[in-house]
Amino acid sequence: MSKIVLQHYDYDTKQTISDGEVDTHTIAKAINPEQMAEIIRDWLNSTNSAALRGELVGKKIAESHRTLQGLFYTFLLAAVVQLVCDYPDDRNQRASEGAAIIKRMLADGSLPKQPYI
């Protein structure tokens, strides 16, 4: 089981403080969708290479479990479809338009859905 080392930076003492560690399975079972969205948002907002991170995550999922690729695919498609919205910020226009295409393809059957395994 993989562990995440928790730490924070104390600006008063200018030191990184260890808060212990927790295994990924415990986190996965404890968080709700809102918290997962916050984790993804904060993780993506801390990089300028979202595509590379996506490639690395996809590769790790494919390598780590022989049947989870289908669940991950289903999860991502469902999440992407939710991006179809009015975009108050023009930087989101392409994402919303792309998500709308995927949503239409799922509805008309031209994009394959993963059956439940």
N, C-alpha and C. Protein backbone atom coordinates (compact mmCIF):
# COMPACT_ATOMS: atom_id res chain seq x y z
N MET A 1 0.84 -1.17 0.00
CA MET A 1 0.00 0.00 0.00
C MET A 1 0.89 1.24 0.00
N SER A 2 0.55 2.20 -0.81
CA SER A 2 1.33 3.42 -0.95
C SER A 2 1.00 4.40 0.18
N LYS A 3 2.01 5.07 0.65
CA LYS A 3 1.84 6.05 1.74
C LYS A 3 2.05 7.46 1.20
N ILE A 4 1.31 8.40 1.77
CA ILE A 4 1.49 9.82 1.49
C ILE A 4 2.05 10.45 2.75
N VAL A 5 3.19 11.11 2.60
CA VAL A 5 3.80 11.82 3.72
C VAL A 5 3.16 13.20 3.78
N LEU A 6 2.59 13.52 4.92
CA LEU A 6 1.93 14.80 5.11
C LEU A 6 2.90 15.77 5.78
N GLN A 7 2.91 16.99 5.29
CA GLN A 7 3.76 18.00 5.90
C GLN A 7 3.21 19.37 5.57
N HIS A 8 3.62 20.33 6.32
CA HIS A 8 3.26 21.72 6.05
C HIS A 8 4.45 22.61 6.36
N TYR A 9 4.40 23.80 5.81
CA TYR A 9 5.49 24.74 6.03
C TYR A 9 5.06 25.74 7.10
N ASP A 10 5.88 25.90 8.11
CA ASP A 10 5.64 26.87 9.18
C ASP A 10 6.39 28.15 8.82
N TYR A 11 5.63 29.17 8.44
CA TYR A 11 6.25 30.43 8.00
C TYR A 11 6.92 31.18 9.14
N ASP A 12 6.47 30.95 10.37
CA ASP A 12 7.11 31.61 11.50
C ASP A 12 8.51 31.07 11.76
N THR A 13 8.64 29.75 11.73
CA THR A 13 9.94 29.13 12.00
C THR A 13 10.72 28.84 10.73
N LYS A 14 10.07 29.04 9.57
CA LYS A 14 10.68 28.78 8.27
C LYS A 14 11.18 27.33 8.16
N GLN A 15 10.32 26.41 8.63
CA GLN A 15 10.66 24.99 8.59
C GLN A 15 9.48 24.18 8.05
N THR A 16 9.83 23.08 7.41
CA THR A 16 8.81 22.13 6.99
C THR A 16 8.58 21.18 8.15
N ILE A 17 7.31 21.05 8.54
CA ILE A 17 6.93 20.24 9.70
C ILE A 17 6.24 18.96 9.21
N SER A 18 6.67 17.82 9.73
CA SER A 18 6.05 16.55 9.38
C SER A 18 4.75 16.38 10.17
N ASP A 19 3.70 15.98 9.45
CA ASP A 19 2.40 15.71 10.08
C ASP A 19 2.09 14.22 10.08
N GLY A 20 3.09 13.40 9.79
CA GLY A 20 2.88 11.95 9.75
C GLY A 20 2.61 11.48 8.34
N GLU A 21 2.02 10.30 8.24
CA GLU A 21 1.72 9.73 6.94
C GLU A 21 0.40 8.97 7.00
N VAL A 22 -0.17 8.78 5.82
CA VAL A 22 -1.43 8.06 5.71
C VAL A 22 -1.37 7.25 4.41
N ASP A 23 -2.01 6.07 4.41
CA ASP A 23 -1.99 5.28 3.18
C ASP A 23 -3.08 5.75 2.23
N THR A 24 -2.83 5.57 0.95
CA THR A 24 -3.75 6.06 -0.09
C THR A 24 -5.12 5.40 0.01
N HIS A 25 -5.16 4.13 0.41
CA HIS A 25 -6.44 3.43 0.53
C HIS A 25 -7.33 4.10 1.59
N THR A 26 -6.74 4.49 2.70
CA THR A 26 -7.50 5.18 3.75
C THR A 26 -8.07 6.49 3.24
N ILE A 27 -7.27 7.24 2.50
CA ILE A 27 -7.76 8.51 1.93
C ILE A 27 -8.88 8.24 0.94
N ALA A 28 -8.67 7.27 0.05
CA ALA A 28 -9.67 6.96 -0.98
C ALA A 28 -11.02 6.59 -0.37
N LYS A 29 -11.00 5.87 0.74
CA LYS A 29 -12.25 5.46 1.38
C LYS A 29 -12.89 6.58 2.19
N ALA A 30 -12.10 7.59 2.54
CA ALA A 30 -12.59 8.63 3.43
C ALA A 30 -13.11 9.88 2.72
N ILE A 31 -12.65 10.14 1.50
CA ILE A 31 -13.02 11.40 0.85
C ILE A 31 -14.33 11.28 0.09
N ASN A 32 -14.97 12.43 -0.08
CA ASN A 32 -16.21 12.50 -0.86
C ASN A 32 -15.92 13.18 -2.20
N PRO A 33 -16.88 13.23 -3.12
CA PRO A 33 -16.62 13.83 -4.43
C PRO A 33 -16.14 15.29 -4.36
N GLU A 34 -16.67 16.06 -3.43
CA GLU A 34 -16.24 17.46 -3.31
C GLU A 34 -14.77 17.54 -2.93
N GLN A 35 -14.36 16.69 -2.00
CA GLN A 35 -12.96 16.69 -1.58
C GLN A 35 -12.05 16.19 -2.70
N MET A 36 -12.51 15.18 -3.43
CA MET A 36 -11.71 14.68 -4.55
C MET A 36 -11.54 15.77 -5.60
N ALA A 37 -12.61 16.50 -5.87
CA ALA A 37 -12.53 17.60 -6.83
C ALA A 37 -11.54 18.66 -6.35
N GLU A 38 -11.55 18.95 -5.05
CA GLU A 38 -10.60 19.93 -4.50
C GLU A 38 -9.17 19.44 -4.65
N ILE A 39 -8.94 18.16 -4.40
CA ILE A 39 -7.59 17.60 -4.54
C ILE A 39 -7.13 17.72 -5.99
N ILE A 40 -7.98 17.33 -6.93
CA ILE A 40 -7.63 17.41 -8.34
C ILE A 40 -7.41 18.86 -8.74
N ARG A 41 -8.31 19.74 -8.32
CA ARG A 41 -8.18 21.17 -8.65
C ARG A 41 -6.86 21.73 -8.15
N ASP A 42 -6.54 21.46 -6.87
CA ASP A 42 -5.31 22.00 -6.29
C ASP A 42 -4.08 21.39 -6.96
N TRP A 43 -4.14 20.11 -7.28
CA TRP A 43 -3.01 19.43 -7.92
C TRP A 43 -2.77 19.99 -9.32
N LEU A 44 -3.85 20.15 -10.10
CA LEU A 44 -3.72 20.69 -11.45
C LEU A 44 -3.33 22.16 -11.45
N ASN A 45 -3.80 22.89 -10.45
CA ASN A 45 -3.51 24.32 -10.37
C ASN A 45 -2.06 24.59 -9.95
N SER A 46 -1.34 23.54 -9.57
CA SER A 46 0.04 23.71 -9.15
C SER A 46 1.03 23.32 -10.25
N THR A 47 0.55 23.22 -11.49
CA THR A 47 1.44 22.82 -12.58
C THR A 47 1.06 23.56 -13.86
N ASN A 48 1.96 23.55 -14.80
CA ASN A 48 1.63 24.06 -16.14
C ASN A 48 1.66 22.91 -17.14
N SER A 49 1.61 21.69 -16.64
CA SER A 49 1.70 20.52 -17.50
C SER A 49 0.59 19.52 -17.19
N ALA A 50 -0.66 19.95 -17.33
CA ALA A 50 -1.80 19.08 -17.04
C ALA A 50 -1.82 17.87 -17.98
N ALA A 51 -1.45 18.06 -19.24
CA ALA A 51 -1.46 16.94 -20.19
C ALA A 51 -0.46 15.87 -19.78
N LEU A 52 0.73 16.28 -19.39
CA LEU A 52 1.73 15.31 -18.96
C LEU A 52 1.27 14.58 -17.70
N ARG A 53 0.71 15.31 -16.75
CA ARG A 53 0.21 14.67 -15.54
C ARG A 53 -0.90 13.68 -15.88
N GLY A 54 -1.78 14.05 -16.81
CA GLY A 54 -2.83 13.13 -17.24
C GLY A 54 -2.26 11.87 -17.85
N GLU A 55 -1.23 12.02 -18.69
CA GLU A 55 -0.58 10.85 -19.28
C GLU A 55 0.01 9.96 -18.21
N LEU A 56 0.69 10.55 -17.24
CA LEU A 56 1.33 9.77 -16.18
C LEU A 56 0.30 9.05 -15.32
N VAL A 57 -0.80 9.73 -14.99
CA VAL A 57 -1.85 9.09 -14.18
C VAL A 57 -2.48 7.94 -14.96
N GLY A 58 -2.80 8.18 -16.23
CA GLY A 58 -3.38 7.12 -17.05
C GLY A 58 -2.46 5.92 -17.15
N LYS A 59 -1.18 6.17 -17.34
CA LYS A 59 -0.21 5.07 -17.42
C LYS A 59 -0.15 4.29 -16.11
N LYS A 60 -0.15 4.99 -14.99
CA LYS A 60 -0.08 4.32 -13.68
C LYS A 60 -1.34 3.50 -13.43
N ILE A 61 -2.50 4.02 -13.82
CA ILE A 61 -3.75 3.26 -13.67
C ILE A 61 -3.67 1.99 -14.51
N ALA A 62 -3.23 2.13 -15.77
CA ALA A 62 -3.14 0.97 -16.67
C ALA A 62 -2.17 -0.08 -16.15
N GLU A 63 -1.09 0.36 -15.52
CA GLU A 63 -0.08 -0.57 -15.01
C GLU A 63 -0.47 -1.21 -13.68
N SER A 64 -1.31 -0.53 -12.91
CA SER A 64 -1.52 -0.94 -11.52
C SER A 64 -2.60 -2.00 -11.30
N HIS A 65 -3.56 -2.08 -12.19
CA HIS A 65 -4.68 -3.00 -11.95
C HIS A 65 -5.25 -3.40 -13.30
N ARG A 66 -5.38 -4.69 -13.53
CA ARG A 66 -5.75 -5.16 -14.87
C ARG A 66 -7.17 -4.86 -15.29
N THR A 67 -8.06 -4.54 -14.35
CA THR A 67 -9.45 -4.25 -14.74
C THR A 67 -9.89 -2.82 -14.45
N LEU A 68 -9.04 -2.00 -13.89
CA LEU A 68 -9.46 -0.65 -13.53
C LEU A 68 -9.45 0.34 -14.70
N GLN A 69 -8.84 -0.02 -15.81
CA GLN A 69 -8.83 0.90 -16.95
C GLN A 69 -10.26 1.27 -17.36
N GLY A 70 -11.15 0.28 -17.41
CA GLY A 70 -12.53 0.54 -17.79
C GLY A 70 -13.25 1.45 -16.82
N LEU A 71 -13.03 1.24 -15.52
CA LEU A 71 -13.65 2.11 -14.53
C LEU A 71 -13.10 3.53 -14.62
N PHE A 72 -11.80 3.65 -14.84
CA PHE A 72 -11.17 4.96 -14.97
C PHE A 72 -11.72 5.69 -16.20
N TYR A 73 -11.85 4.98 -17.31
CA TYR A 73 -12.41 5.53 -18.54
C TYR A 73 -13.83 6.04 -18.30
N THR A 74 -14.65 5.22 -17.66
CA THR A 74 -16.03 5.60 -17.35
C THR A 74 -16.06 6.83 -16.44
N PHE A 75 -15.21 6.84 -15.42
CA PHE A 75 -15.10 7.97 -14.49
C PHE A 75 -14.74 9.25 -15.24
N LEU A 76 -13.72 9.17 -16.09
CA LEU A 76 -13.28 10.36 -16.82
C LEU A 76 -14.33 10.87 -17.79
N LEU A 77 -14.99 9.97 -18.51
CA LEU A 77 -16.03 10.40 -19.44
C LEU A 77 -17.18 11.09 -18.70
N ALA A 78 -17.59 10.50 -17.58
CA ALA A 78 -18.67 11.11 -16.79
C ALA A 78 -18.26 12.49 -16.28
N ALA A 79 -17.00 12.62 -15.86
CA ALA A 79 -16.51 13.91 -15.37
C ALA A 79 -16.44 14.93 -16.50
N VAL A 80 -15.96 14.50 -17.67
CA VAL A 80 -15.83 15.41 -18.81
C VAL A 80 -17.19 15.93 -19.25
N VAL A 81 -18.19 15.07 -19.28
CA VAL A 81 -19.53 15.49 -19.70
C VAL A 81 -20.06 16.61 -18.80
N GLN A 82 -19.65 16.61 -17.55
CA GLN A 82 -20.10 17.66 -16.63
C GLN A 82 -19.46 19.01 -16.92
N LEU A 83 -18.46 19.04 -17.78
CA LEU A 83 -17.82 20.30 -18.15
C LEU A 83 -18.63 21.08 -19.18
N VAL A 84 -19.69 20.46 -19.72
CA VAL A 84 -20.55 21.16 -20.67
C VAL A 84 -21.33 22.21 -19.88
N CYS A 85 -21.01 23.45 -20.12
CA CYS A 85 -21.64 24.52 -19.35
C CYS A 85 -21.42 25.85 -20.04
N ASP A 86 -22.06 26.86 -19.51
CA ASP A 86 -21.75 28.22 -19.94
C ASP A 86 -20.38 28.53 -19.34
N TYR A 87 -19.54 29.13 -20.11
CA TYR A 87 -18.18 29.40 -19.64
C TYR A 87 -18.01 30.89 -19.38
N PRO A 88 -18.02 31.27 -18.12
CA PRO A 88 -17.86 32.69 -17.78
C PRO A 88 -16.45 33.19 -18.09
N ASP A 89 -15.54 32.28 -18.28
CA ASP A 89 -14.15 32.63 -18.58
C ASP A 89 -13.82 32.03 -19.93
N ASP A 90 -13.40 32.84 -20.89
CA ASP A 90 -13.14 32.35 -22.24
C ASP A 90 -12.11 31.23 -22.28
N ARG A 91 -11.29 31.11 -21.27
CA ARG A 91 -10.29 30.04 -21.24
C ARG A 91 -10.95 28.67 -21.13
N ASN A 92 -12.22 28.61 -20.74
CA ASN A 92 -12.94 27.35 -20.60
C ASN A 92 -13.78 26.99 -21.82
N GLN A 93 -13.83 27.88 -22.81
CA GLN A 93 -14.69 27.66 -23.97
C GLN A 93 -14.35 26.36 -24.70
N ARG A 94 -13.09 26.12 -24.99
CA ARG A 94 -12.71 24.91 -25.74
C ARG A 94 -13.03 23.65 -24.95
N ALA A 95 -12.81 23.68 -23.66
CA ALA A 95 -13.12 22.51 -22.83
C ALA A 95 -14.61 22.21 -22.87
N SER A 96 -15.43 23.24 -22.75
CA SER A 96 -16.88 23.05 -22.78
C SER A 96 -17.34 22.55 -24.15
N GLU A 97 -16.78 23.10 -25.20
CA GLU A 97 -17.15 22.66 -26.55
C GLU A 97 -16.73 21.20 -26.80
N GLY A 98 -15.54 20.86 -26.37
CA GLY A 98 -15.07 19.48 -26.51
C GLY A 98 -15.92 18.51 -25.71
N ALA A 99 -16.26 18.92 -24.49
CA ALA A 99 -17.10 18.09 -23.64
C ALA A 99 -18.48 17.88 -24.27
N ALA A 100 -19.00 18.91 -24.93
CA ALA A 100 -20.30 18.79 -25.60
C ALA A 100 -20.23 17.76 -26.74
N ILE A 101 -19.11 17.73 -27.45
CA ILE A 101 -18.93 16.74 -28.52
C ILE A 101 -18.91 15.34 -27.94
N ILE A 102 -18.17 15.15 -26.86
CA ILE A 102 -18.10 13.83 -26.21
C ILE A 102 -19.48 13.42 -25.71
N LYS A 103 -20.21 14.37 -25.13
CA LYS A 103 -21.56 14.08 -24.62
C LYS A 103 -22.46 13.61 -25.76
N ARG A 104 -22.41 14.30 -26.92
CA ARG A 104 -23.23 13.90 -28.08
C ARG A 104 -22.81 12.52 -28.58
N MET A 105 -21.50 12.26 -28.62
CA MET A 105 -21.01 10.97 -29.11
C MET A 105 -21.44 9.83 -28.19
N LEU A 106 -21.43 10.07 -26.90
CA LEU A 106 -21.91 9.06 -25.96
C LEU A 106 -23.40 8.80 -26.16
N ALA A 107 -24.15 9.88 -26.37
CA ALA A 107 -25.60 9.75 -26.54
C ALA A 107 -25.97 9.01 -27.83
N ASP A 108 -25.21 9.28 -28.91
CA ASP A 108 -25.57 8.63 -30.19
C ASP A 108 -24.85 7.29 -30.41
N GLY A 109 -24.02 6.89 -29.46
CA GLY A 109 -23.36 5.59 -29.54
C GLY A 109 -22.08 5.57 -30.36
N SER A 110 -21.63 6.71 -30.86
CA SER A 110 -20.41 6.70 -31.67
C SER A 110 -19.13 6.69 -30.84
N LEU A 111 -19.24 6.91 -29.54
CA LEU A 111 -18.11 6.77 -28.62
C LEU A 111 -18.45 5.62 -27.69
N PRO A 112 -17.64 4.56 -27.69
CA PRO A 112 -17.98 3.38 -26.91
C PRO A 112 -17.96 3.63 -25.41
N LYS A 113 -18.94 3.07 -24.74
CA LYS A 113 -18.99 3.11 -23.29
C LYS A 113 -18.39 1.80 -22.78
N GLN A 114 -17.84 1.84 -21.61
CA GLN A 114 -17.28 0.64 -20.99
C GLN A 114 -18.40 -0.11 -20.28
N PRO A 115 -18.62 -1.37 -20.63
CA PRO A 115 -19.64 -2.14 -19.89
C PRO A 115 -19.13 -2.46 -18.48
N TYR A 116 -20.07 -2.66 -17.59
CA TYR A 116 -19.71 -3.04 -16.23
C TYR A 116 -19.05 -4.40 -16.25
N ILE A 117 -17.93 -4.50 -15.55
CA ILE A 117 -17.19 -5.78 -15.51
C ILE A 117 -17.55 -6.51 -14.24
